[in-house]
N, C-alpha and C. Protein backbone atom coordinates (compact mmCIF):
# COMPACT_ATOMS: atom_id res chain seq x y z
N UNK A 1 -136.64 -223.57 56.06
CA UNK A 1 -136.14 -222.35 55.48
C UNK A 1 -136.60 -221.16 56.33
N UNK A 2 -135.78 -220.13 56.37
CA UNK A 2 -136.15 -218.91 57.09
C UNK A 2 -136.46 -217.81 56.09
N UNK A 3 -137.46 -217.04 56.41
CA UNK A 3 -137.87 -215.90 55.59
C UNK A 3 -137.93 -214.66 56.46
N UNK A 4 -137.56 -213.55 55.88
CA UNK A 4 -137.67 -212.26 56.57
C UNK A 4 -138.89 -211.55 56.00
N UNK A 5 -139.75 -211.08 56.90
CA UNK A 5 -140.94 -210.33 56.49
C UNK A 5 -140.75 -208.86 56.84
N UNK A 6 -141.03 -208.01 55.88
CA UNK A 6 -141.04 -206.55 56.08
C UNK A 6 -142.51 -206.15 55.99
N UNK A 7 -143.07 -205.70 57.11
CA UNK A 7 -144.51 -205.41 57.20
C UNK A 7 -144.71 -203.91 57.40
N UNK A 8 -145.58 -203.33 56.57
CA UNK A 8 -145.96 -201.93 56.72
C UNK A 8 -147.44 -201.86 57.11
N UNK A 9 -147.70 -201.17 58.21
CA UNK A 9 -149.07 -201.01 58.71
C UNK A 9 -149.38 -199.53 58.72
N UNK A 10 -150.48 -199.17 58.07
CA UNK A 10 -150.87 -197.76 57.95
C UNK A 10 -152.33 -197.58 58.36
N UNK A 11 -152.66 -196.37 58.85
CA UNK A 11 -154.08 -196.10 59.13
C UNK A 11 -154.86 -196.12 57.82
N UNK A 12 -156.10 -196.56 57.89
CA UNK A 12 -156.94 -196.55 56.68
C UNK A 12 -157.06 -195.14 56.15
N UNK A 13 -157.09 -195.01 54.84
CA UNK A 13 -157.14 -193.68 54.22
C UNK A 13 -158.38 -192.89 54.62
N UNK A 14 -159.47 -193.59 54.92
CA UNK A 14 -160.72 -192.92 55.28
C UNK A 14 -160.70 -192.36 56.71
N UNK A 15 -159.71 -192.75 57.50
CA UNK A 15 -159.64 -192.30 58.89
C UNK A 15 -158.67 -191.15 59.07
N UNK A 16 -158.97 -190.31 60.04
CA UNK A 16 -158.08 -189.21 60.40
C UNK A 16 -156.80 -189.77 61.01
N UNK A 17 -155.67 -189.16 60.66
CA UNK A 17 -154.37 -189.55 61.22
C UNK A 17 -153.83 -188.35 62.00
N UNK A 18 -154.12 -188.26 63.32
CA UNK A 18 -153.72 -187.09 64.10
C UNK A 18 -152.21 -186.86 64.11
N UNK A 19 -151.42 -187.93 64.20
CA UNK A 19 -149.96 -187.76 64.18
C UNK A 19 -149.50 -187.18 62.84
N UNK A 20 -150.03 -187.72 61.78
CA UNK A 20 -149.68 -187.23 60.45
C UNK A 20 -150.08 -185.78 60.25
N UNK A 21 -151.26 -185.43 60.77
CA UNK A 21 -151.73 -184.03 60.66
C UNK A 21 -150.81 -183.09 61.42
N UNK A 22 -150.38 -183.48 62.61
CA UNK A 22 -149.48 -182.65 63.42
C UNK A 22 -148.14 -182.46 62.71
N UNK A 23 -147.62 -183.53 62.12
CA UNK A 23 -146.34 -183.43 61.40
C UNK A 23 -146.51 -182.55 60.17
N UNK A 24 -147.62 -182.72 59.44
CA UNK A 24 -147.88 -181.88 58.27
C UNK A 24 -147.90 -180.40 58.63
N UNK A 25 -148.58 -180.08 59.74
CA UNK A 25 -148.66 -178.70 60.18
C UNK A 25 -147.30 -178.15 60.58
N UNK A 26 -146.46 -179.00 61.16
CA UNK A 26 -145.13 -178.57 61.59
C UNK A 26 -144.18 -178.32 60.42
N UNK A 27 -144.44 -178.92 59.29
CA UNK A 27 -143.56 -178.75 58.14
C UNK A 27 -143.46 -177.28 57.72
N UNK A 28 -144.56 -176.56 57.78
CA UNK A 28 -144.54 -175.14 57.44
C UNK A 28 -143.64 -174.37 58.39
N UNK A 29 -143.73 -174.69 59.69
CA UNK A 29 -142.89 -174.03 60.69
C UNK A 29 -141.41 -174.32 60.47
N UNK A 30 -141.11 -175.45 59.86
CA UNK A 30 -139.72 -175.83 59.60
C UNK A 30 -139.21 -175.32 58.25
N UNK A 31 -140.04 -174.54 57.58
CA UNK A 31 -139.64 -174.01 56.28
C UNK A 31 -139.81 -175.01 55.15
N UNK A 32 -140.70 -175.97 55.34
CA UNK A 32 -140.95 -176.99 54.32
C UNK A 32 -142.44 -177.03 53.95
N UNK A 33 -143.00 -175.91 53.46
CA UNK A 33 -144.44 -175.88 53.17
C UNK A 33 -144.83 -176.80 52.01
N UNK A 34 -143.84 -177.27 51.24
CA UNK A 34 -144.14 -178.14 50.11
C UNK A 34 -144.52 -179.56 50.56
N UNK A 35 -144.16 -179.91 51.79
CA UNK A 35 -144.44 -181.25 52.31
C UNK A 35 -145.81 -181.25 52.97
N UNK A 36 -146.65 -182.18 52.56
CA UNK A 36 -147.99 -182.25 53.14
C UNK A 36 -148.56 -183.65 53.07
N UNK A 37 -149.76 -183.79 53.59
CA UNK A 37 -150.48 -185.07 53.60
C UNK A 37 -149.64 -186.21 54.18
N UNK A 38 -149.01 -185.94 55.32
CA UNK A 38 -148.19 -186.95 55.99
C UNK A 38 -149.10 -187.97 56.66
N UNK A 39 -148.78 -189.25 56.50
CA UNK A 39 -149.46 -190.34 57.17
C UNK A 39 -148.40 -191.13 57.93
N UNK A 40 -148.66 -191.44 59.17
CA UNK A 40 -147.68 -192.14 60.00
C UNK A 40 -148.21 -193.52 60.35
N UNK A 41 -147.36 -194.52 60.16
CA UNK A 41 -147.74 -195.90 60.44
C UNK A 41 -146.63 -196.62 61.17
N UNK A 42 -146.61 -197.94 61.01
CA UNK A 42 -145.61 -198.78 61.68
C UNK A 42 -144.89 -199.63 60.63
N UNK A 43 -143.62 -199.90 60.88
CA UNK A 43 -142.85 -200.83 60.05
C UNK A 43 -142.31 -201.90 60.98
N UNK A 44 -142.62 -203.16 60.67
CA UNK A 44 -142.23 -204.28 61.51
C UNK A 44 -141.44 -205.27 60.66
N UNK A 45 -140.32 -205.76 61.21
CA UNK A 45 -139.59 -206.84 60.55
C UNK A 45 -139.59 -208.04 61.47
N UNK A 46 -139.69 -209.22 60.89
CA UNK A 46 -139.63 -210.45 61.66
C UNK A 46 -139.15 -211.58 60.77
N UNK A 47 -138.72 -212.66 61.39
CA UNK A 47 -138.35 -213.84 60.62
C UNK A 47 -139.34 -214.95 60.94
N UNK A 48 -139.56 -215.79 59.96
CA UNK A 48 -140.48 -216.92 60.14
C UNK A 48 -139.84 -218.15 59.50
N UNK A 49 -139.95 -219.26 60.19
CA UNK A 49 -139.44 -220.52 59.66
C UNK A 49 -140.60 -221.27 59.02
N UNK A 50 -140.42 -221.65 57.76
CA UNK A 50 -141.47 -222.35 57.03
C UNK A 50 -140.85 -223.18 55.92
N UNK A 51 -141.57 -224.19 55.47
CA UNK A 51 -141.07 -225.07 54.42
C UNK A 51 -141.08 -224.39 53.05
N UNK A 52 -142.08 -223.52 52.83
CA UNK A 52 -142.20 -222.85 51.54
C UNK A 52 -142.52 -221.37 51.75
N UNK A 53 -142.35 -220.59 50.70
CA UNK A 53 -142.70 -219.17 50.78
C UNK A 53 -144.20 -218.99 50.98
N UNK A 54 -144.99 -219.85 50.37
CA UNK A 54 -146.45 -219.78 50.54
C UNK A 54 -146.84 -220.00 51.99
N UNK A 55 -146.21 -220.96 52.64
CA UNK A 55 -146.49 -221.23 54.05
C UNK A 55 -146.03 -220.05 54.92
N UNK A 56 -144.88 -219.49 54.61
CA UNK A 56 -144.38 -218.33 55.35
C UNK A 56 -145.33 -217.15 55.20
N UNK A 57 -145.81 -216.94 53.98
CA UNK A 57 -146.74 -215.85 53.72
C UNK A 57 -148.02 -216.02 54.53
N UNK A 58 -148.53 -217.24 54.60
CA UNK A 58 -149.74 -217.51 55.36
C UNK A 58 -149.53 -217.23 56.85
N UNK A 59 -148.36 -217.59 57.36
CA UNK A 59 -148.06 -217.36 58.79
C UNK A 59 -147.95 -215.87 59.10
N UNK A 60 -147.29 -215.12 58.21
CA UNK A 60 -147.17 -213.67 58.42
C UNK A 60 -148.54 -213.02 58.34
N UNK A 61 -149.35 -213.43 57.37
CA UNK A 61 -150.69 -212.88 57.23
C UNK A 61 -151.51 -213.15 58.49
N UNK A 62 -151.41 -214.34 59.03
CA UNK A 62 -152.13 -214.68 60.26
C UNK A 62 -151.66 -213.83 61.44
N UNK A 63 -150.33 -213.61 61.54
CA UNK A 63 -149.79 -212.77 62.62
C UNK A 63 -150.32 -211.34 62.50
N UNK A 64 -150.39 -210.84 61.28
CA UNK A 64 -150.90 -209.48 61.07
C UNK A 64 -152.36 -209.38 61.49
N UNK A 65 -153.16 -210.35 61.06
CA UNK A 65 -154.59 -210.32 61.36
C UNK A 65 -154.89 -210.52 62.84
N UNK A 66 -154.11 -211.39 63.50
CA UNK A 66 -154.41 -211.72 64.90
C UNK A 66 -153.76 -210.79 65.92
N UNK A 67 -152.64 -210.13 65.55
CA UNK A 67 -151.91 -209.37 66.56
C UNK A 67 -151.36 -208.03 66.09
N UNK A 68 -150.73 -208.00 64.94
CA UNK A 68 -149.94 -206.83 64.56
C UNK A 68 -150.77 -205.65 64.05
N UNK A 69 -151.87 -205.92 63.35
CA UNK A 69 -152.67 -204.84 62.77
C UNK A 69 -154.10 -204.92 63.28
N UNK A 70 -154.69 -203.76 63.47
CA UNK A 70 -156.11 -203.67 63.82
C UNK A 70 -156.85 -203.37 62.51
N UNK A 71 -157.43 -204.40 61.91
CA UNK A 71 -158.01 -204.25 60.57
C UNK A 71 -159.22 -203.31 60.53
N UNK A 72 -159.75 -202.94 61.67
CA UNK A 72 -160.84 -201.96 61.70
C UNK A 72 -160.30 -200.58 61.36
N UNK A 73 -159.06 -200.31 61.79
CA UNK A 73 -158.49 -198.97 61.61
C UNK A 73 -157.23 -198.94 60.74
N UNK A 74 -156.67 -200.11 60.43
CA UNK A 74 -155.38 -200.14 59.74
C UNK A 74 -155.40 -201.13 58.57
N UNK A 75 -154.55 -200.85 57.60
CA UNK A 75 -154.30 -201.80 56.52
C UNK A 75 -152.84 -202.22 56.62
N UNK A 76 -152.51 -203.35 56.01
CA UNK A 76 -151.13 -203.81 56.05
C UNK A 76 -150.75 -204.46 54.73
N UNK A 77 -149.46 -204.45 54.49
CA UNK A 77 -148.90 -205.20 53.37
C UNK A 77 -147.52 -205.67 53.80
N UNK A 78 -147.06 -206.75 53.19
CA UNK A 78 -145.74 -207.26 53.57
C UNK A 78 -145.05 -207.89 52.37
N UNK A 79 -143.73 -207.97 52.49
CA UNK A 79 -142.89 -208.59 51.48
C UNK A 79 -141.97 -209.59 52.18
N UNK A 80 -141.79 -210.74 51.56
CA UNK A 80 -140.93 -211.77 52.11
C UNK A 80 -139.66 -211.90 51.29
N UNK A 81 -138.55 -212.16 51.99
CA UNK A 81 -137.30 -212.51 51.34
C UNK A 81 -136.70 -213.69 52.08
N UNK A 82 -136.08 -214.57 51.34
CA UNK A 82 -135.45 -215.74 51.93
C UNK A 82 -134.14 -215.33 52.57
N UNK A 83 -133.89 -215.80 53.81
CA UNK A 83 -132.63 -215.49 54.50
C UNK A 83 -131.88 -216.75 54.85
């Protein structure tokens, strides 16, 4: 079976997000002072072949831990759908 994973990777809340800060500051210049506390991360989609959803979830989790996310500075979450 094939599964599609939608992965969101974000900087840890305790860490400074320079890109998010720059975008937040620019919102005022664009006439959008109501928008603030912007955090910028990554969104990754991939497919994984596995016998079960549990196996697919384990493979995606392993990919996140080993390659896609830096757990020292980032957190991640993902959702699987069967394709």
